[in-house]
C-alpha atoms as a PDB file:
ATOM      1  CA  MET A   1      38.683 -33.545 -69.826  1.00  0.00           C
ATOM      2  CA  SER A   2      34.772 -34.046 -70.394  1.00  0.00           C
ATOM      3  CA  PRO A   3      32.877 -30.585 -69.781  1.00  0.00           C
ATOM      4  CA  ALA A   4      30.772 -32.226 -67.208  1.00  0.00           C
ATOM      5  CA  ASN A   5      33.811 -32.534 -65.301  1.00  0.00           C
ATOM      6  CA  ARG A   6      35.704 -29.635 -65.904  1.00  0.00           C
ATOM      7  CA  ASN A   7      34.713 -27.598 -62.559  1.00  0.00           C
ATOM      8  CA  LYS A   8      35.075 -31.452 -60.943  1.00  0.00           C
ATOM      9  CA  CYS A   9      37.980 -31.078 -57.630  1.00  0.00           C
ATOM     10  CA  GLN A  10      40.737 -33.088 -59.044  1.00  0.00           C
ATOM     11  CA  HIS A  11      41.280 -35.221 -56.059  1.00  0.00           C
ATOM     12  CA  GLY A  12      39.759 -38.633 -57.145  1.00  0.00           C
ATOM     13  CA  ASN A  13      37.777 -39.111 -54.011  1.00  0.00           C
ATOM     14  CA  CYS A  14      36.022 -35.083 -53.951  1.00  0.00           C
ATOM     15  CA  SER A  15      33.007 -34.472 -55.294  1.00  0.00           C
ATOM     16  CA  CYS A  16      32.939 -30.157 -54.997  1.00  0.00           C
ATOM     17  CA  THR A  17      33.142 -27.763 -57.726  1.00  0.00           C
ATOM     18  CA  VAL A  18      35.813 -25.410 -57.892  1.00  0.00           C
ATOM     19  CA  ALA A  19      36.557 -22.052 -59.379  1.00  0.00           C
ATOM     20  CA  ASP A  20      37.022 -21.160 -63.081  1.00  0.00           C
ATOM     21  CA  GLY A  21      40.902 -22.126 -63.614  1.00  0.00           C
ATOM     22  CA  GLY A  22      41.208 -24.273 -60.068  1.00  0.00           C
ATOM     23  CA  LYS A  23      42.375 -27.651 -59.781  1.00  0.00           C
ATOM     24  CA  TYR A  24      41.232 -28.375 -56.317  1.00  0.00           C
ATOM     25  CA  CYS A  25      38.639 -27.060 -53.361  1.00  0.00           C
ATOM     26  CA  SER A  26      40.711 -26.574 -50.631  1.00  0.00           C
ATOM     27  CA  PRO A  27      44.500 -27.160 -49.340  1.00  0.00           C
ATOM     28  CA  HIS A  28      43.622 -30.692 -48.238  1.00  0.00           C
ATOM     29  CA  CYS A  29      42.747 -32.006 -51.761  1.00  0.00           C
ATOM     30  CA  GLU A  30      45.887 -30.203 -53.415  1.00  0.00           C
ATOM     31  CA  THR A  31      47.914 -31.843 -50.541  1.00  0.00           C
ATOM     32  CA  MET A  32      46.222 -35.079 -51.038  1.00  0.00           C
ATOM     33  CA  LYS A  33      46.341 -35.044 -54.726  1.00  0.00           C
ATOM     34  CA  ASP A  34      49.071 -38.433 -55.239  1.00  0.00           C
ATOM     35  CA  SER A  35      47.177 -40.566 -52.121  1.00  0.00           C
ATOM     36  CA  GLN A  36      44.481 -42.776 -52.174  1.00  0.00           C
ATOM     37  CA  GLU A  37      42.106 -41.725 -49.517  1.00  0.00           C
ATOM     38  CA  ILE A  38      39.704 -44.034 -48.712  1.00  0.00           C
ATOM     39  CA  ALA A  39      37.282 -40.565 -48.433  1.00  0.00           C
ATOM     40  CA  CYS A  40      37.611 -36.916 -48.987  1.00  0.00           C
ATOM     41  CA  GLU A  41      38.283 -35.186 -45.867  1.00  0.00           C
ATOM     42  CA  CYS A  42      38.183 -31.831 -46.836  1.00  0.00           C
ATOM     43  CA  GLY A  43      35.141 -30.534 -44.929  1.00  0.00           C
ATOM     44  CA  HIS A  44      33.124 -28.789 -47.480  1.00  0.00           C
ATOM     45  CA  PRO A  45      29.183 -29.497 -46.492  1.00  0.00           C
ATOM     46  CA  GLY A  46      27.710 -31.487 -49.342  1.00  0.00           C
ATOM     47  CA  CYS A  47      31.464 -33.193 -50.606  1.00  0.00           C
ATOM     48  CA  SER A  48      29.956 -36.934 -51.242  1.00  0.00           C
ATOM     49  CA  GLY A  49      33.638 -38.227 -50.523  1.00  0.00           C
ATOM     50  CA  GLU A  50      32.994 -40.783 -53.160  1.00  0.00           C
ATOM     51  CA  VAL A  51      35.539 -43.836 -52.627  1.00  0.00           C
ATOM     52  CA  THR A  52      37.166 -44.977 -56.324  1.00  0.00           C
ATOM     53  CA  GLN A  53      39.150 -48.097 -56.241  1.00  0.00           C
ATOM     54  CA  LYS A  54      41.773 -47.764 -59.322  1.00  0.00           C
ATOM     55  CA  LYS A  55      42.664 -51.078 -61.069  1.00  0.00           C
END
């Protein structure tokens, strides 16, 4: 993982950062880790909920 993405939530559509050693910013993101959500619904202010598509 590149240093720029080291603290990004591992849920594909979430733009939040996580605490050192963490993978997900919220229980929602951890629960949805294998899902293809259209937009992130973690509820954190400032989350852009980026829409990504896997090819």
